[in-house]
Amino acid sequence: METNQSVTYLTTEELAGKLHYAPRYILNCLKDSVLFEGIHYIKPFGRRKILYLWEAIERDMLNSSAQEIPMIPMARGGICHG
């Protein structure tokens, strides 16, 4: 399987630096609750080492952030960013 997309692999410590979270918080609270294996991280060669996929994490952070913006539905189908 060949992809043309570039993927940035990060260790837990590198991801913690980008997100400004403690590595332990990522492992204990985010992994397997909001960061899922096969989507946000992989375990290369079935080993214990975890590599996070930055583009997938960034995409989902931006998508969930956009959904939290308060919007008021308008009569003709538009929205007001209240």
C-alpha atoms as a PDB file:
ATOM      1  CA  MET A   1       0.000   0.000   0.000  1.00  0.00           C
ATOM      2  CA  GLU A   2       1.581   3.234  -1.134  1.00  0.00           C
ATOM      3  CA  THR A   3       0.485   6.720  -0.090  1.00  0.00           C
ATOM      4  CA  ASN A   4       1.508  10.109  -1.411  1.00  0.00           C
ATOM      5  CA  GLN A   5       0.733  11.854   1.856  1.00  0.00           C
ATOM      6  CA  SER A   6       3.553  12.769   4.178  1.00  0.00           C
ATOM      7  CA  VAL A   7       3.102  11.506   7.735  1.00  0.00           C
ATOM      8  CA  THR A   8       4.833  12.936  10.783  1.00  0.00           C
ATOM      9  CA  TYR A   9       5.536  10.304  13.430  1.00  0.00           C
ATOM     10  CA  LEU A  10       5.959  11.568  16.996  1.00  0.00           C
ATOM     11  CA  THR A  11       6.933   9.871  20.227  1.00  0.00           C
ATOM     12  CA  THR A  12       4.829  10.489  23.321  1.00  0.00           C
ATOM     13  CA  GLU A  13       7.366  13.050  24.542  1.00  0.00           C
ATOM     14  CA  GLU A  14       7.386  14.910  21.210  1.00  0.00           C
ATOM     15  CA  LEU A  15       3.576  14.958  21.096  1.00  0.00           C
ATOM     16  CA  ALA A  16       3.486  16.218  24.680  1.00  0.00           C
ATOM     17  CA  GLY A  17       5.743  19.102  23.666  1.00  0.00           C
ATOM     18  CA  LYS A  18       3.513  20.059  20.735  1.00  0.00           C
ATOM     19  CA  LEU A  19       0.293  19.856  22.759  1.00  0.00           C
ATOM     20  CA  HIS A  20       1.734  21.272  25.993  1.00  0.00           C
ATOM     21  CA  TYR A  21       0.552  18.251  27.993  1.00  0.00           C
ATOM     22  CA  ALA A  22       2.566  15.953  30.218  1.00  0.00           C
ATOM     23  CA  PRO A  23       3.542  12.649  28.537  1.00  0.00           C
ATOM     24  CA  ARG A  24       1.881  10.743  31.399  1.00  0.00           C
ATOM     25  CA  TYR A  25      -1.416  12.591  30.768  1.00  0.00           C
ATOM     26  CA  ILE A  26      -1.323  11.565  27.105  1.00  0.00           C
ATOM     27  CA  LEU A  27      -0.705   7.922  28.015  1.00  0.00           C
ATOM     28  CA  ASN A  28      -3.159   7.727  30.923  1.00  0.00           C
ATOM     29  CA  CYS A  29      -6.006  10.008  29.805  1.00  0.00           C
ATOM     30  CA  LEU A  30      -5.939  10.609  26.048  1.00  0.00           C
ATOM     31  CA  LYS A  31      -4.657   7.308  24.631  1.00  0.00           C
ATOM     32  CA  ASP A  32      -7.554   4.972  23.835  1.00  0.00           C
ATOM     33  CA  SER A  33     -10.183   7.547  24.865  1.00  0.00           C
ATOM     34  CA  VAL A  34      -9.646  10.271  22.251  1.00  0.00           C
ATOM     35  CA  LEU A  35      -6.494   8.988  20.534  1.00  0.00           C
ATOM     36  CA  PHE A  36      -7.126   5.589  18.959  1.00  0.00           C
ATOM     37  CA  GLU A  37      -4.763   2.942  17.624  1.00  0.00           C
ATOM     38  CA  GLY A  38      -4.761   2.801  13.837  1.00  0.00           C
ATOM     39  CA  ILE A  39      -6.128   6.341  13.553  1.00  0.00           C
ATOM     40  CA  HIS A  40      -4.003   8.526  15.823  1.00  0.00           C
ATOM     41  CA  TYR A  41      -1.163   6.180  16.711  1.00  0.00           C
ATOM     42  CA  ILE A  42       0.507   2.958  15.657  1.00  0.00           C
ATOM     43  CA  LYS A  43       2.677   0.342  17.309  1.00  0.00           C
ATOM     44  CA  PRO A  44       5.290  -0.449  14.653  1.00  0.00           C
ATOM     45  CA  PHE A  45       6.000  -4.136  14.180  1.00  0.00           C
ATOM     46  CA  GLY A  46       3.538  -5.015  16.964  1.00  0.00           C
ATOM     47  CA  ARG A  47       5.940  -3.788  19.638  1.00  0.00           C
ATOM     48  CA  ARG A  48       5.405  -1.646  22.738  1.00  0.00           C
ATOM     49  CA  LYS A  49       6.745   1.568  21.178  1.00  0.00           C
ATOM     50  CA  ILE A  50       3.974   4.021  20.250  1.00  0.00           C
ATOM     51  CA  LEU A  51       4.283   6.489  17.383  1.00  0.00           C
ATOM     52  CA  TYR A  52       1.612   9.160  17.065  1.00  0.00           C
ATOM     53  CA  LEU A  53       0.428  10.376  13.648  1.00  0.00           C
ATOM     54  CA  TRP A  54       0.514  14.161  13.928  1.00  0.00           C
ATOM     55  CA  GLU A  55      -1.634  14.956  10.873  1.00  0.00           C
ATOM     56  CA  ALA A  56      -4.523  12.771  12.116  1.00  0.00           C
ATOM     57  CA  ILE A  57      -4.353  14.272  15.608  1.00  0.00           C
ATOM     58  CA  GLU A  58      -4.219  17.830  14.259  1.00  0.00           C
ATOM     59  CA  ARG A  59      -7.140  17.162  11.870  1.00  0.00           C
ATOM     60  CA  ASP A  60      -9.340  15.779  14.638  1.00  0.00           C
ATOM     61  CA  MET A  61      -8.409  18.563  17.068  1.00  0.00           C
ATOM     62  CA  LEU A  62      -9.400  21.196  14.499  1.00  0.00           C
ATOM     63  CA  ASN A  63     -12.627  19.361  13.590  1.00  0.00           C
ATOM     64  CA  SER A  64     -13.751  19.007  17.207  1.00  0.00           C
ATOM     65  CA  SER A  65     -12.791  22.616  17.911  1.00  0.00           C
ATOM     66  CA  ALA A  66     -14.893  23.850  14.981  1.00  0.00           C
ATOM     67  CA  GLN A  67     -17.888  21.858  16.233  1.00  0.00           C
ATOM     68  CA  GLU A  68     -17.713  23.591  19.613  1.00  0.00           C
ATOM     69  CA  ILE A  69     -18.083  27.111  18.164  1.00  0.00           C
ATOM     70  CA  PRO A  70     -21.505  28.446  19.208  1.00  0.00           C
ATOM     71  CA  MET A  71     -23.777  28.814  16.196  1.00  0.00           C
ATOM     72  CA  ILE A  72     -27.351  30.014  15.951  1.00  0.00           C
ATOM     73  CA  PRO A  73     -29.417  28.493  13.107  1.00  0.00           C
ATOM     74  CA  MET A  74     -31.149  31.068  10.915  1.00  0.00           C
ATOM     75  CA  ALA A  75     -34.556  30.800   9.259  1.00  0.00           C
ATOM     76  CA  ARG A  76     -33.229  30.417   5.696  1.00  0.00           C
ATOM     77  CA  GLY A  77     -30.684  27.733   6.569  1.00  0.00           C
ATOM     78  CA  GLY A  78     -27.722  29.945   7.370  1.00  0.00           C
ATOM     79  CA  ILE A  79     -25.946  30.186  10.684  1.00  0.00           C
ATOM     80  CA  CYS A  80     -24.953  33.060  12.931  1.00  0.00           C
ATOM     81  CA  HIS A  81     -21.648  32.651  14.744  1.00  0.00           C
ATOM     82  CA  GLY A  82     -23.063  34.084  17.972  1.00  0.00           C
END
